[in-house]
Amino acid sequence: MKFVLASASPRRLDLLARIGVTPDAVDPAALDETVLKGETPRAHGARLAGEKARAVAARHPGALVLGADTVVACGRRILPKAETPEVARDCLSLLSGRRHRVLSAICLIKPDGTELRRTVETTVRFKRLEANEIENYIQAGEWQGKAGGYAIQGHAAVFAAWINGSHSNVVGLPLFETHALLKSAGLAK
């Protein structure tokens, strides 16, 4: 059975490797990820994970396709993927000294078209960040393309005073749930 990852994220590839899974192909969906009016963080992530998986499954008939989307939310506010230092700075300033949620939605489409879905939520509390800590992090560049402007697996690990839930979820793919879905589809051991 061919397994396709519907994501360009190198972090998701690394996380899959940790559980002994290597995709036969990596085919990002390249969709518009604009938040719909009134869309909650959970619904947004679930919608995008499903849309990504379906778009890629259409290009790989008969394959097992995994789509995923990670959302960083502060209250009902969905934080963007940081593409500029200003956006990253705004995200980190908002998260400073506060709790926020990281939601990762996964959608696995089986060769027969059946969709298996899960959404995992992890709560993270950042310490109060000093201005120089934010600026040093911006200069390091780890924020680029990251939801909420940070990468927990890097230097931002020192910002997290505590995490309640899955660490791999915050990195970008909840491994426990992903492994369970892949195992149910006959791919993982």
Protein backbone atom coordinates (compact mmCIF):
# COMPACT_ATOMS: atom_id res chain seq x y z
CA MET A 1 0.00 0.00 0.00
CA LYS A 2 1.37 3.40 -1.01
CA PHE A 3 1.48 5.98 1.80
CA VAL A 4 1.44 9.70 0.93
CA LEU A 5 2.00 12.58 3.34
CA ALA A 6 -0.05 15.62 2.29
CA SER A 7 2.34 18.10 3.89
CA ALA A 8 5.56 19.93 3.10
CA SER A 9 6.49 20.12 6.79
CA PRO A 10 9.92 18.64 7.54
CA ARG A 11 8.83 18.39 11.18
CA ARG A 12 6.01 16.01 10.25
CA LEU A 13 8.43 13.84 8.29
CA ASP A 14 10.78 13.75 11.29
CA LEU A 15 7.93 12.89 13.65
CA LEU A 16 6.73 10.05 11.41
CA ALA A 17 10.30 8.70 11.31
CA ARG A 18 10.25 8.56 15.13
CA ILE A 19 7.47 5.97 14.92
CA GLY A 20 9.16 4.07 12.09
CA VAL A 21 6.97 5.35 9.26
CA THR A 22 8.40 6.72 6.01
CA PRO A 23 5.99 8.01 3.35
CA ASP A 24 6.38 6.70 -0.18
CA ALA A 25 5.65 10.23 -1.38
CA VAL A 26 5.34 13.74 0.03
CA ASP A 27 2.77 15.81 -1.87
CA PRO A 28 1.71 19.11 -0.25
CA ALA A 29 -1.82 20.22 -1.05
CA ALA A 30 -1.04 23.98 -1.30
CA LEU A 31 -4.47 25.26 -0.30
CA ASP A 32 -5.79 28.65 0.74
CA GLU A 33 -5.66 28.48 4.56
CA THR A 34 -7.73 31.60 5.21
CA VAL A 35 -9.89 31.35 8.30
CA LEU A 36 -13.59 31.38 7.43
CA LYS A 37 -15.87 33.90 9.12
CA GLY A 38 -16.96 32.55 12.52
CA GLU A 39 -14.73 29.47 12.24
CA THR A 40 -13.42 28.18 15.58
CA PRO A 41 -9.80 27.03 15.92
CA ARG A 42 -10.88 23.36 16.19
CA ALA A 43 -13.15 23.57 13.13
CA HIS A 44 -10.50 25.44 11.15
CA GLY A 45 -7.84 22.79 11.75
CA ALA A 46 -10.22 19.91 11.04
CA ARG A 47 -11.44 21.53 7.82
CA LEU A 48 -7.91 22.14 6.53
CA ALA A 49 -6.63 18.67 7.44
CA GLY A 50 -9.55 17.13 5.56
CA GLU A 51 -9.21 19.42 2.55
CA LYS A 52 -5.47 18.71 2.31
CA ALA A 53 -5.96 14.95 2.54
CA ARG A 54 -8.79 14.92 -0.04
CA ALA A 55 -6.89 17.13 -2.51
CA VAL A 56 -3.85 14.84 -2.37
CA ALA A 57 -5.92 11.62 -2.37
CA ALA A 58 -7.45 12.75 -5.67
CA ARG A 59 -3.92 12.82 -7.15
CA HIS A 60 -2.99 9.40 -5.68
CA PRO A 61 -5.94 7.02 -6.20
CA GLY A 62 -5.70 3.89 -4.07
CA ALA A 63 -3.11 5.36 -1.70
CA LEU A 64 -3.27 5.89 2.04
CA VAL A 65 -3.08 9.69 2.49
CA LEU A 66 -2.38 11.64 5.69
CA GLY A 67 -3.33 15.31 5.93
CA ALA A 68 -2.67 17.44 9.00
CA ASP A 69 -3.04 21.00 10.18
CA THR A 70 -1.80 22.66 13.36
CA VAL A 71 -3.50 25.73 14.81
CA VAL A 72 -2.24 27.92 17.65
CA ALA A 73 -5.12 29.65 19.39
CA CYS A 74 -5.28 32.23 22.14
CA GLY A 75 -8.92 32.17 23.19
CA ARG A 76 -10.93 32.03 19.96
CA ARG A 77 -8.22 33.92 18.10
CA ILE A 78 -6.29 31.85 15.58
CA LEU A 79 -2.68 32.98 15.36
CA PRO A 80 -1.14 33.09 11.89
CA LYS A 81 1.86 31.26 10.53
CA ALA A 82 4.59 33.83 11.00
CA GLU A 83 5.99 34.92 7.65
CA THR A 84 7.57 38.20 8.81
CA PRO A 85 9.49 39.21 11.94
CA GLU A 86 6.66 41.64 12.80
CA VAL A 87 4.04 38.88 12.78
CA ALA A 88 6.29 36.62 14.88
CA ARG A 89 6.92 39.45 17.34
CA ASP A 90 3.17 40.15 17.63
CA CYS A 91 2.44 36.44 18.25
CA LEU A 92 5.13 36.08 20.91
CA SER A 93 4.03 39.29 22.62
CA LEU A 94 0.45 38.02 22.73
CA LEU A 95 1.50 34.62 24.10
CA SER A 96 3.86 36.08 26.72
CA GLY A 97 2.74 35.13 30.22
CA ARG A 98 -0.42 33.43 28.92
CA ARG A 99 -1.91 30.06 28.25
CA HIS A 100 -2.72 29.09 24.71
CA ARG A 101 -3.93 26.01 22.90
CA VAL A 102 -2.27 24.06 20.12
CA LEU A 103 -4.72 21.97 18.11
CA SER A 104 -3.57 19.49 15.49
CA ALA A 105 -6.15 17.87 13.27
CA ILE A 106 -5.28 14.77 11.28
CA CYS A 107 -7.23 13.14 8.49
CA LEU A 108 -6.23 9.75 7.12
CA ILE A 109 -7.90 8.68 3.89
CA LYS A 110 -7.80 4.97 3.26
CA PRO A 111 -7.53 3.49 -0.25
CA ASP A 112 -11.29 2.83 -0.25
CA GLY A 113 -11.97 6.53 0.46
CA THR A 114 -12.87 6.10 4.15
CA GLU A 115 -11.78 9.09 6.24
CA LEU A 116 -10.43 8.66 9.76
CA ARG A 117 -10.11 11.89 11.77
CA ARG A 118 -8.75 13.05 15.08
CA THR A 119 -8.11 16.44 16.66
CA VAL A 120 -5.70 16.73 19.56
CA GLU A 121 -5.47 19.72 21.90
CA THR A 122 -2.49 20.64 24.05
CA THR A 123 -2.39 23.60 26.43
CA VAL A 124 0.87 25.54 26.73
CA ARG A 125 1.71 28.34 29.14
CA PHE A 126 4.52 30.68 28.24
CA LYS A 127 6.47 32.52 30.89
CA ARG A 128 6.40 36.28 30.73
CA LEU A 129 8.84 37.08 27.93
CA GLU A 130 11.32 39.92 28.19
CA ALA A 131 11.64 42.17 25.12
CA ASN A 132 15.24 41.02 24.59
CA GLU A 133 14.12 37.35 24.68
CA ILE A 134 11.62 38.03 21.93
CA GLU A 135 14.18 39.93 19.85
CA ASN A 136 16.83 37.20 20.28
CA TYR A 137 14.29 34.61 19.18
CA ILE A 138 13.33 36.71 16.16
CA GLN A 139 17.01 37.01 15.22
CA ALA A 140 17.46 33.22 15.46
CA GLY A 141 14.83 32.79 12.71
CA GLU A 142 13.10 29.68 14.08
CA TRP A 143 9.73 31.42 13.89
CA GLN A 144 9.60 31.42 10.08
CA GLY A 145 6.53 29.63 8.79
CA LYS A 146 5.54 28.42 12.26
CA ALA A 147 1.99 28.65 13.56
CA GLY A 148 1.96 31.14 16.42
CA GLY A 149 5.48 32.28 15.56
CA TYR A 150 7.41 29.66 17.51
CA ALA A 151 8.90 26.16 17.36
CA ILE A 152 8.65 24.34 20.70
CA GLN A 153 11.33 21.86 19.59
CA GLY A 154 13.89 24.64 19.37
CA HIS A 155 14.89 27.64 21.48
CA ALA A 156 11.25 28.39 22.34
CA ALA A 157 11.30 25.34 24.63
CA VAL A 158 12.61 27.64 27.36
CA PHE A 159 9.50 29.83 26.98
CA ALA A 160 7.11 27.02 27.92
CA ALA A 161 6.58 27.07 31.69
CA TRP A 162 4.35 24.01 31.33
CA ILE A 163 2.62 21.85 28.76
CA ASN A 164 -0.56 19.88 29.39
CA GLY A 165 -0.93 17.25 26.68
CA SER A 166 1.05 15.90 23.77
CA HIS A 167 4.44 17.50 23.08
CA SER A 168 4.55 16.04 19.55
CA ASN A 169 1.21 17.74 18.92
CA VAL A 170 2.82 21.12 19.62
CA VAL A 171 5.64 20.22 17.21
CA GLY A 172 3.05 19.50 14.52
CA LEU A 173 1.78 15.91 14.59
CA PRO A 174 0.26 14.06 17.57
CA LEU A 175 2.17 10.77 17.40
CA PHE A 176 -0.03 8.65 19.66
CA GLU A 177 -3.17 9.36 17.62
CA THR A 178 -1.35 9.27 14.27
CA HIS A 179 0.19 5.88 15.07
CA ALA A 180 -3.22 4.53 16.14
CA LEU A 181 -4.82 5.62 12.86
CA LEU A 182 -1.96 4.26 10.76
CA LYS A 183 -2.06 0.98 12.66
CA SER A 184 -5.82 0.66 12.15
CA ALA A 185 -5.21 1.14 8.41
CA GLY A 186 -2.55 -1.61 8.41
CA LEU A 187 0.51 0.61 7.92
CA ALA A 188 2.15 0.93 11.34
CA LYS A 189 3.12 -1.95 13.64
